[in-house]
Amino acid sequence: MGQRNEGEGNKTAAREYNRDTTEFAKSGQVEGKAREAKQAMEGKDADAMRKAEREGKSHSHGEDRLLKGGAHKSAE
């Protein structure tokens, strides 16, 4: 079955992401994965990971001001 193009605001992808992140949070694996990530950032691949992060951020339009607490969504 082909994937239907839902355009911007893909509700199916959002629903799947929310389901999967909730399952992971409940799985009991969060602390172990956090330790693995910390070790990776301190290990031999740390420079490559930081370089990849900088590259990704270079394509960003910046942090969403609503996420930084600088503004509140208005009730419309």
PDB file of N, CA and C in Angstrom:
ATOM      1  N   MET A   1       0.850  -1.179   0.000  1.00  0.00           N
ATOM      2  CA  MET A   1       0.000   0.000   0.000  1.00  0.00           C
ATOM      3  C   MET A   1       0.891   1.236   0.000  1.00  0.00           C
ATOM      4  N   GLY A   2       0.683   2.150  -0.909  1.00  0.00           N
ATOM      5  CA  GLY A   2       1.484   3.363  -1.009  1.00  0.00           C
ATOM      6  C   GLY A   2       1.152   4.351   0.086  1.00  0.00           C
ATOM      7  N   GLN A   3       2.099   5.214   0.346  1.00  0.00           N
ATOM      8  CA  GLN A   3       1.909   6.226   1.378  1.00  0.00           C
ATOM      9  C   GLN A   3       1.207   7.435   0.769  1.00  0.00           C
ATOM     10  N   ARG A   4       0.127   7.863   1.380  1.00  0.00           N
ATOM     11  CA  ARG A   4      -0.631   9.008   0.906  1.00  0.00           C
ATOM     12  C   ARG A   4       0.068  10.292   1.330  1.00  0.00           C
ATOM     13  N   ASN A   5       0.183  11.244   0.427  1.00  0.00           N
ATOM     14  CA  ASN A   5       0.802  12.528   0.736  1.00  0.00           C
ATOM     15  C   ASN A   5      -0.205  13.392   1.482  1.00  0.00           C
ATOM     16  N   GLU A   6       0.078  13.667   2.731  1.00  0.00           N
ATOM     17  CA  GLU A   6      -0.814  14.494   3.539  1.00  0.00           C
ATOM     18  C   GLU A   6      -0.360  15.948   3.557  1.00  0.00           C
ATOM     19  N   GLY A   7       0.764  16.223   2.916  1.00  0.00           N
ATOM     20  CA  GLY A   7       1.254  17.594   2.885  1.00  0.00           C
ATOM     21  C   GLY A   7       1.810  18.020   4.225  1.00  0.00           C
ATOM     22  N   GLU A   8       1.903  19.327   4.392  1.00  0.00           N
ATOM     23  CA  GLU A   8       2.430  19.867   5.636  1.00  0.00           C
ATOM     24  C   GLU A   8       1.458  19.557   6.769  1.00  0.00           C
ATOM     25  N   GLY A   9       1.995  19.230   7.917  1.00  0.00           N
ATOM     26  CA  GLY A   9       1.125  18.896   9.042  1.00  0.00           C
ATOM     27  C   GLY A   9       0.605  17.476   8.949  1.00  0.00           C
ATOM     28  N   ASN A  10       1.444  16.549   8.526  1.00  0.00           N
ATOM     29  CA  ASN A  10       1.085  15.157   8.317  1.00  0.00           C
ATOM     30  C   ASN A  10       0.588  14.536   9.628  1.00  0.00           C
ATOM     31  N   LYS A  11      -0.726  14.355   9.728  1.00  0.00           N
ATOM     32  CA  LYS A  11      -1.333  13.854  10.967  1.00  0.00           C
ATOM     33  C   LYS A  11      -0.972  12.399  11.244  1.00  0.00           C
ATOM     34  N   THR A  12      -0.820  11.608  10.192  1.00  0.00           N
ATOM     35  CA  THR A  12      -0.454  10.203  10.378  1.00  0.00           C
ATOM     36  C   THR A  12       0.945  10.096  10.963  1.00  0.00           C
ATOM     37  N   ALA A  13       1.883  10.836  10.406  1.00  0.00           N
ATOM     38  CA  ALA A  13       3.258  10.811  10.917  1.00  0.00           C
ATOM     39  C   ALA A  13       3.305  11.325  12.351  1.00  0.00           C
ATOM     40  N   ALA A  14       2.571  12.373  12.647  1.00  0.00           N
ATOM     41  CA  ALA A  14       2.541  12.927  14.004  1.00  0.00           C
ATOM     42  C   ALA A  14       1.983  11.903  14.983  1.00  0.00           C
ATOM     43  N   ARG A  15       0.917  11.216  14.597  1.00  0.00           N
ATOM     44  CA  ARG A  15       0.300  10.212  15.462  1.00  0.00           C
ATOM     45  C   ARG A  15       1.288   9.054  15.719  1.00  0.00           C
ATOM     46  N   GLU A  16       1.975   8.598  14.660  1.00  0.00           N
ATOM     47  CA  GLU A  16       2.950   7.515  14.812  1.00  0.00           C
ATOM     48  C   GLU A  16       4.117   7.949  15.690  1.00  0.00           C
ATOM     49  N   TYR A  17       4.611   9.164  15.475  1.00  0.00           N
ATOM     50  CA  TYR A  17       5.718   9.687  16.285  1.00  0.00           C
ATOM     51  C   TYR A  17       5.307   9.753  17.755  1.00  0.00           C
ATOM     52  N   ASN A  18       4.134  10.302  18.024  1.00  0.00           N
ATOM     53  CA  ASN A  18       3.654  10.423  19.400  1.00  0.00           C
ATOM     54  C   ASN A  18       3.507   9.051  20.044  1.00  0.00           C
ATOM     55  N   ARG A  19       2.952   8.088  19.304  1.00  0.00           N
ATOM     56  CA  ARG A  19       2.783   6.734  19.828  1.00  0.00           C
ATOM     57  C   ARG A  19       4.146   6.115  20.155  1.00  0.00           C
ATOM     58  N   ASP A  20       5.081   6.216  19.202  1.00  0.00           N
ATOM     59  CA  ASP A  20       6.391   5.595  19.383  1.00  0.00           C
ATOM     60  C   ASP A  20       7.195   6.241  20.515  1.00  0.00           C
ATOM     61  N   THR A  21       7.145   7.561  20.639  1.00  0.00           N
ATOM     62  CA  THR A  21       7.899   8.210  21.714  1.00  0.00           C
ATOM     63  C   THR A  21       7.288   7.888  23.075  1.00  0.00           C
ATOM     64  N   THR A  22       5.973   7.785  23.131  1.00  0.00           N
ATOM     65  CA  THR A  22       5.317   7.408  24.381  1.00  0.00           C
ATOM     66  C   THR A  22       5.699   5.988  24.770  1.00  0.00           C
ATOM     67  N   GLU A  23       5.693   5.069  23.799  1.00  0.00           N
ATOM     68  CA  GLU A  23       6.089   3.685  24.079  1.00  0.00           C
ATOM     69  C   GLU A  23       7.533   3.626  24.582  1.00  0.00           C
ATOM     70  N   PHE A  24       8.418   4.387  23.933  1.00  0.00           N
ATOM     71  CA  PHE A  24       9.818   4.385  24.365  1.00  0.00           C
ATOM     72  C   PHE A  24       9.947   4.932  25.780  1.00  0.00           C
ATOM     73  N   ALA A  25       9.249   6.008  26.080  1.00  0.00           N
ATOM     74  CA  ALA A  25       9.328   6.611  27.413  1.00  0.00           C
ATOM     75  C   ALA A  25       8.855   5.623  28.485  1.00  0.00           C
ATOM     76  N   LYS A  26       7.885   4.798  28.148  1.00  0.00           N
ATOM     77  CA  LYS A  26       7.356   3.824  29.102  1.00  0.00           C
ATOM     78  C   LYS A  26       8.168   2.532  29.136  1.00  0.00           C
ATOM     79  N   SER A  27       9.086   2.349  28.201  1.00  0.00           N
ATOM     80  CA  SER A  27       9.806   1.081  28.049  1.00  0.00           C
ATOM     81  C   SER A  27      10.856   0.812  29.118  1.00  0.00           C
ATOM     82  N   GLY A  28      11.274   1.851  29.843  1.00  0.00           N
ATOM     83  CA  GLY A  28      12.319   1.673  30.831  1.00  0.00           C
ATOM     84  C   GLY A  28      13.719   1.749  30.246  1.00  0.00           C
ATOM     85  N   GLN A  29      13.839   2.116  28.969  1.00  0.00           N
ATOM     86  CA  GLN A  29      15.137   2.171  28.311  1.00  0.00           C
ATOM     87  C   GLN A  29      15.745   3.570  28.282  1.00  0.00           C
ATOM     88  N   VAL A  30      15.039   4.563  28.750  1.00  0.00           N
ATOM     89  CA  VAL A  30      15.470   5.952  28.599  1.00  0.00           C
ATOM     90  C   VAL A  30      16.814   6.203  29.280  1.00  0.00           C
ATOM     91  N   GLU A  31      16.964   5.807  30.528  1.00  0.00           N
ATOM     92  CA  GLU A  31      18.215   6.069  31.243  1.00  0.00           C
ATOM     93  C   GLU A  31      19.400   5.378  30.579  1.00  0.00           C
ATOM     94  N   GLY A  32      19.221   4.148  30.156  1.00  0.00           N
ATOM     95  CA  GLY A  32      20.303   3.422  29.488  1.00  0.00           C
ATOM     96  C   GLY A  32      20.700   4.085  28.178  1.00  0.00           C
ATOM     97  N   LYS A  33      19.724   4.509  27.400  1.00  0.00           N
ATOM     98  CA  LYS A  33      20.018   5.181  26.126  1.00  0.00           C
ATOM     99  C   LYS A  33      20.669   6.540  26.378  1.00  0.00           C
ATOM    100  N   ALA A  34      20.279   7.214  27.449  1.00  0.00           N
ATOM    101  CA  ALA A  34      20.907   8.493  27.785  1.00  0.00           C
ATOM    102  C   ALA A  34      22.376   8.281  28.144  1.00  0.00           C
ATOM    103  N   ARG A  35      22.668   7.223  28.892  1.00  0.00           N
ATOM    104  CA  ARG A  35      24.067   6.897  29.220  1.00  0.00           C
ATOM    105  C   ARG A  35      24.862   6.586  27.955  1.00  0.00           C
ATOM    106  N   GLU A  36      24.253   5.824  27.044  1.00  0.00           N
ATOM    107  CA  GLU A  36      24.923   5.506  25.778  1.00  0.00           C
ATOM    108  C   GLU A  36      25.233   6.779  24.991  1.00  0.00           C
ATOM    109  N   ALA A  37      24.281   7.696  24.965  1.00  0.00           N
ATOM    110  CA  ALA A  37      24.485   8.952  24.232  1.00  0.00           C
ATOM    111  C   ALA A  37      25.605   9.775  24.870  1.00  0.00           C
ATOM    112  N   LYS A  38      25.625   9.819  26.186  1.00  0.00           N
ATOM    113  CA  LYS A  38      26.684  10.568  26.881  1.00  0.00           C
ATOM    114  C   LYS A  38      28.051   9.953  26.583  1.00  0.00           C
ATOM    115  N   GLN A  39      28.131   8.634  26.617  1.00  0.00           N
ATOM    116  CA  GLN A  39      29.395   7.963  26.310  1.00  0.00           C
ATOM    117  C   GLN A  39      29.825   8.241  24.871  1.00  0.00           C
ATOM    118  N   ALA A  40      28.869   8.256  23.951  1.00  0.00           N
ATOM    119  CA  ALA A  40      29.196   8.535  22.553  1.00  0.00           C
ATOM    120  C   ALA A  40      29.740   9.953  22.401  1.00  0.00           C
ATOM    121  N   MET A  41      29.156  10.899  23.141  1.00  0.00           N
ATOM    122  CA  MET A  41      29.610  12.290  23.053  1.00  0.00           C
ATOM    123  C   MET A  41      30.971  12.495  23.711  1.00  0.00           C
ATOM    124  N   GLU A  42      31.396  11.541  24.500  1.00  0.00           N
ATOM    125  CA  GLU A  42      32.706  11.625  25.147  1.00  0.00           C
ATOM    126  C   GLU A  42      33.709  10.677  24.488  1.00  0.00           C
ATOM    127  N   GLY A  43      33.260   9.894  23.520  1.00  0.00           N
ATOM    128  CA  GLY A  43      34.101   8.870  22.906  1.00  0.00           C
ATOM    129  C   GLY A  43      34.768   9.315  21.623  1.00  0.00           C
ATOM    130  N   LYS A  44      35.236   8.327  20.867  1.00  0.00           N
ATOM    131  CA  LYS A  44      36.023   8.579  19.658  1.00  0.00           C
ATOM    132  C   LYS A  44      35.220   9.251  18.545  1.00  0.00           C
ATOM    133  N   ASP A  45      33.915   9.137  18.573  1.00  0.00           N
ATOM    134  CA  ASP A  45      33.093   9.732  17.519  1.00  0.00           C
ATOM    135  C   ASP A  45      32.568  11.122  17.879  1.00  0.00           C
ATOM    136  N   ALA A  46      32.990  11.654  19.016  1.00  0.00           N
ATOM    137  CA  ALA A  46      32.462  12.929  19.499  1.00  0.00           C
ATOM    138  C   ALA A  46      32.675  14.062  18.505  1.00  0.00           C
ATOM    139  N   ASP A  47      33.869  14.171  17.941  1.00  0.00           N
ATOM    140  CA  ASP A  47      34.139  15.260  16.991  1.00  0.00           C
ATOM    141  C   ASP A  47      33.243  15.155  15.764  1.00  0.00           C
ATOM    142  N   ALA A  48      33.081  13.952  15.242  1.00  0.00           N
ATOM    143  CA  ALA A  48      32.235  13.756  14.059  1.00  0.00           C
ATOM    144  C   ALA A  48      30.777  14.079  14.376  1.00  0.00           C
ATOM    145  N   MET A  49      30.333  13.732  15.584  1.00  0.00           N
ATOM    146  CA  MET A  49      28.952  14.009  15.972  1.00  0.00           C
ATOM    147  C   MET A  49      28.726  15.517  16.120  1.00  0.00           C
ATOM    148  N   ARG A  50      29.690  16.213  16.705  1.00  0.00           N
ATOM    149  CA  ARG A  50      29.552  17.672  16.843  1.00  0.00           C
ATOM    150  C   ARG A  50      29.569  18.350  15.477  1.00  0.00           C
ATOM    151  N   LYS A  51      30.415  17.851  14.584  1.00  0.00           N
ATOM    152  CA  LYS A  51      30.468  18.399  13.228  1.00  0.00           C
ATOM    153  C   LYS A  51      29.122  18.194  12.532  1.00  0.00           C
ATOM    154  N   ALA A  52      28.547  17.017  12.662  1.00  0.00           N
ATOM    155  CA  ALA A  52      27.244  16.738  12.058  1.00  0.00           C
ATOM    156  C   ALA A  52      26.160  17.637  12.656  1.00  0.00           C
ATOM    157  N   GLU A  53      26.242  17.878  13.962  1.00  0.00           N
ATOM    158  CA  GLU A  53      25.269  18.766  14.613  1.00  0.00           C
ATOM    159  C   GLU A  53      25.391  20.190  14.069  1.00  0.00           C
ATOM    160  N   ARG A  54      26.629  20.681  13.943  1.00  0.00           N
ATOM    161  CA  ARG A  54      26.831  22.027  13.397  1.00  0.00           C
ATOM    162  C   ARG A  54      26.293  22.119  11.972  1.00  0.00           C
ATOM    163  N   GLU A  55      26.536  21.086  11.180  1.00  0.00           N
ATOM    164  CA  GLU A  55      26.042  21.068   9.799  1.00  0.00           C
ATOM    165  C   GLU A  55      24.515  21.132   9.776  1.00  0.00           C
ATOM    166  N   GLY A  56      23.888  20.342  10.613  1.00  0.00           N
ATOM    167  CA  GLY A  56      22.425  20.357  10.674  1.00  0.00           C
ATOM    168  C   GLY A  56      21.887  21.709  11.109  1.00  0.00           C
ATOM    169  N   LYS A  57      22.510  22.288  12.123  1.00  0.00           N
ATOM    170  CA  LYS A  57      22.066  23.593  12.618  1.00  0.00           C
ATOM    171  C   LYS A  57      22.281  24.695  11.593  1.00  0.00           C
ATOM    172  N   SER A  58      23.258  24.514  10.712  1.00  0.00           N
ATOM    173  CA  SER A  58      23.531  25.551   9.712  1.00  0.00           C
ATOM    174  C   SER A  58      22.382  25.687   8.716  1.00  0.00           C
ATOM    175  N   HIS A  59      21.521  24.684   8.646  1.00  0.00           N
ATOM    176  CA  HIS A  59      20.383  24.720   7.728  1.00  0.00           C
ATOM    177  C   HIS A  59      19.105  25.204   8.432  1.00  0.00           C
ATOM    178  N   SER A  60      19.214  25.475   9.712  1.00  0.00           N
ATOM    179  CA  SER A  60      18.061  25.857  10.514  1.00  0.00           C
ATOM    180  C   SER A  60      17.748  27.345  10.370  1.00  0.00           C
ATOM    181  N   HIS A  61      16.502  27.664  10.565  1.00  0.00           N
ATOM    182  CA  HIS A  61      16.079  29.068  10.608  1.00  0.00           C
ATOM    183  C   HIS A  61      16.023  29.554  12.049  1.00  0.00           C
ATOM    184  N   GLY A  62      16.607  28.769  12.932  1.00  0.00           N
ATOM    185  CA  GLY A  62      16.642  29.157  14.341  1.00  0.00           C
ATOM    186  C   GLY A  62      15.587  28.441  15.151  1.00  0.00           C
ATOM    187  N   GLU A  63      15.689  28.619  16.449  1.00  0.00           N
ATOM    188  CA  GLU A  63      14.766  28.008  17.385  1.00  0.00           C
ATOM    189  C   GLU A  63      13.410  28.690  17.284  1.00  0.00           C
ATOM    190  N   ASP A  64      12.360  27.929  17.419  1.00  0.00           N
ATOM    191  CA  ASP A  64      10.998  28.467  17.407  1.00  0.00           C
ATOM    192  C   ASP A  64      10.820  29.324  18.655  1.00  0.00           C
ATOM    193  N   ARG A  65      10.477  30.582  18.478  1.00  0.00           N
ATOM    194  CA  ARG A  65      10.352  31.493  19.615  1.00  0.00           C
ATOM    195  C   ARG A  65       9.278  31.036  20.597  1.00  0.00           C
ATOM    196  N   LEU A  66       8.296  30.272  20.120  1.00  0.00           N
ATOM    197  CA  LEU A  66       7.264  29.770  21.023  1.00  0.00           C
ATOM    198  C   LEU A  66       7.822  28.696  21.953  1.00  0.00           C
ATOM    199  N   LEU A  67       8.859  28.002  21.525  1.00  0.00           N
ATOM    200  CA  LEU A  67       9.469  26.975  22.366  1.00  0.00           C
ATOM    201  C   LEU A  67      10.364  27.581  23.428  1.00  0.00           C
ATOM    202  N   LYS A  68      10.885  28.769  23.186  1.00  0.00           N
ATOM    203  CA  LYS A  68      11.785  29.414  24.131  1.00  0.00           C
ATOM    204  C   LYS A  68      11.029  30.165  25.224  1.00  0.00           C
ATOM    205  N   GLY A  69       9.734  30.225  25.136  1.00  0.00           N
ATOM    206  CA  GLY A  69       8.953  30.922  26.138  1.00  0.00           C
ATOM    207  C   GLY A  69       8.899  32.419  25.922  1.00  0.00           C
ATOM    208  N   GLY A  70       9.349  32.862  24.734  1.00  0.00           N
ATOM    209  CA  GLY A  70       9.365  34.280  24.449  1.00  0.00           C
ATOM    210  C   GLY A  70       8.025  34.842  24.031  1.00  0.00           C
ATOM    211  N   ALA A  71       7.117  33.983  23.726  1.00  0.00           N
ATOM    212  CA  ALA A  71       5.782  34.419  23.305  1.00  0.00           C
ATOM    213  C   ALA A  71       4.790  33.299  23.612  1.00  0.00           C
ATOM    214  N   HIS A  72       3.572  33.659  23.690  1.00  0.00           N
ATOM    215  CA  HIS A  72       2.530  32.666  23.917  1.00  0.00           C
ATOM    216  C   HIS A  72       1.592  32.680  22.723  1.00  0.00           C
ATOM    217  N   LYS A  73       1.093  31.504  22.396  1.00  0.00           N
ATOM    218  CA  LYS A  73       0.117  31.434  21.315  1.00  0.00           C
ATOM    219  C   LYS A  73      -1.117  32.218  21.734  1.00  0.00           C
ATOM    220  N   SER A  74      -1.619  32.983  20.811  1.00  0.00           N
ATOM    221  CA  SER A  74      -2.825  33.754  21.135  1.00  0.00           C
ATOM    222  C   SER A  74      -4.044  32.878  20.883  1.00  0.00           C
ATOM    223  N   ALA A  75      -5.065  33.063  21.671  1.00  0.00           N
ATOM    224  CA  ALA A  75      -6.320  32.341  21.479  1.00  0.00           C
ATOM    225  C   ALA A  75      -7.085  33.026  20.352  1.00  0.00           C
ATOM    226  N   GLU A  76      -7.262  32.284  19.282  1.00  0.00           N
ATOM    227  CA  GLU A  76      -7.964  32.853  18.131  1.00  0.00           C
ATOM    228  C   GLU A  76      -9.300  32.222  17.949  1.00  0.00           C
TER     229      GLU A  76
END
